[in-house]
Protein backbone atom coordinates (compact mmCIF):
# COMPACT_ATOMS: atom_id res chain seq x y z
CA MET A 1 0.00 0.00 0.00
CA ASN A 2 2.81 2.44 0.89
CA ALA A 3 4.57 1.67 -2.39
CA ILE A 4 1.41 2.54 -4.34
CA LEU A 5 1.05 5.84 -2.46
CA PHE A 6 4.71 6.65 -3.08
CA LEU A 7 4.39 5.93 -6.80
CA ALA A 8 1.21 7.98 -7.02
CA LEU A 9 2.95 10.96 -5.41
CA PHE A 10 6.08 10.48 -7.52
CA PHE A 11 4.19 10.46 -10.81
CA MET A 12 1.66 13.12 -9.81
CA PRO A 13 1.89 16.04 -12.23
CA VAL A 14 2.91 19.34 -10.70
CA ASN A 15 0.08 21.83 -10.96
CA GLU A 16 -1.05 25.05 -9.35
CA ALA A 17 -3.37 23.20 -6.96
CA LEU A 18 -0.32 22.00 -5.03
CA VAL A 19 1.35 25.41 -4.80
CA PRO A 20 0.09 27.93 -2.21
CA ALA A 21 -1.40 31.08 -3.66
CA TYR A 22 0.15 34.51 -3.12
CA PRO A 23 -0.95 36.39 -1.08
CA PHE A 24 -1.21 33.51 1.31
CA VAL A 25 -4.16 31.17 1.31
CA PRO A 26 -6.56 32.01 4.16
CA ARG A 27 -5.98 29.94 7.25
CA ALA A 28 -7.91 29.62 10.48
CA ILE A 29 -6.90 30.38 14.04
CA SER A 30 -6.48 27.32 16.23
CA MET A 31 -5.56 29.17 19.40
CA VAL A 32 -4.60 32.58 20.75
CA SER A 33 -2.84 32.85 24.10
CA LEU A 34 -4.87 34.63 26.79
CA ASP A 35 -2.39 37.51 26.86
CA GLY A 36 -2.58 37.85 23.04
CA LYS A 37 1.15 37.22 22.72
CA THR A 38 0.96 34.20 20.40
CA VAL A 39 -1.32 33.06 17.59
CA LEU A 40 -1.39 29.45 16.39
CA THR A 41 -2.99 28.64 13.03
CA ASN A 42 -4.55 25.39 11.85
CA ASP A 43 -1.53 24.54 9.67
CA GLY A 44 0.73 24.45 12.74
CA SER A 45 2.31 27.86 12.19
CA ASN A 46 2.95 29.84 15.36
CA TYR A 47 3.37 33.63 15.49
CA LYS A 48 4.55 36.07 18.16
CA VAL A 49 2.41 39.22 18.05
CA HIS A 50 3.96 42.70 18.21
CA PRO A 51 3.60 44.08 21.78
CA GLU A 52 1.58 47.09 20.57
CA ASP A 53 -0.93 44.79 18.80
CA ARG A 54 -1.54 42.30 21.62
CA GLU A 55 -4.63 44.13 22.85
CA VAL A 56 -6.21 43.38 19.46
CA SER A 57 -5.13 39.72 19.31
CA ARG A 58 -6.28 39.23 22.92
CA GLY A 59 -9.81 39.78 21.63
CA TRP A 60 -9.39 36.81 19.28
CA THR A 61 -9.09 34.18 22.04
CA LYS A 62 -12.55 32.78 21.25
CA TYR A 63 -12.30 33.28 17.46
CA ASN A 64 -11.44 30.21 15.37
CA GLY A 65 -12.39 31.57 11.97
CA PRO A 66 -10.32 32.39 8.89
CA VAL A 67 -7.35 34.73 8.85
CA ILE A 68 -5.04 35.92 6.11
CA ILE A 69 -1.30 35.75 6.75
CA ARG A 70 0.89 38.03 4.65
CA TYR A 71 4.66 38.27 4.54
CA HIS A 72 6.21 41.67 3.86
CA LYS A 73 9.70 41.45 2.40
CA LYS A 74 11.02 44.49 4.24
CA LYS A 75 13.64 43.76 6.88
CA ASP A 76 11.50 44.09 9.97
CA GLU A 77 11.40 42.25 13.25
CA PHE A 78 7.66 41.60 12.69
CA PRO A 79 7.42 41.01 8.90
CA PHE A 80 4.03 39.23 8.93
CA THR A 81 0.53 40.62 9.25
CA ILE A 82 -2.40 38.54 10.44
CA THR A 83 -5.81 39.80 9.34
CA ASN A 84 -8.96 38.58 11.09
CA LYS A 85 -11.41 38.03 8.22
CA GLN A 86 -14.46 38.53 10.46
CA THR A 87 -13.51 41.89 11.98
CA GLY A 88 -10.86 43.18 9.55
CA GLU A 89 -8.45 43.73 12.46
CA VAL A 90 -4.75 43.41 11.64
CA VAL A 91 -1.81 42.60 13.90
CA ARG A 92 1.90 42.53 13.15
CA ALA A 93 3.72 39.30 13.97
CA GLU A 94 6.92 37.35 13.61
CA ALA A 95 6.95 33.66 12.79
CA MET A 96 8.20 31.33 15.49
CA ILE A 97 7.17 28.25 13.45
CA TYR A 98 6.08 28.78 9.87
CA TYR A 99 4.84 26.19 7.36
CA ASP A 100 4.86 27.75 3.92
CA ARG A 101 7.49 27.58 1.19
CA THR A 102 6.43 30.66 -0.77
CA ILE A 103 8.77 33.08 1.03
CA GLN A 104 11.48 34.19 -1.38
């Protein structure tokens, strides 16, 4: 069975469905720490929120809906933004664990 799965993956044609879209594909929040310091998304990525934005992210502790994660190429300590799709609120963040290969 594993050999069949391996062969299927090996011979699978590369197409756009396997490549994440840019800007990033919307993800969902799995958890926000009670102090708003960290945000964990459903893909396992973990972000540290900018201290000035933690009041905003603290309000997301009970929100598990979609968010948009964007990477800004400027050299900044907090190069990501996390946008809450329900409220439109945005926080700056840095990735502690990040699962996406589209960063260039």
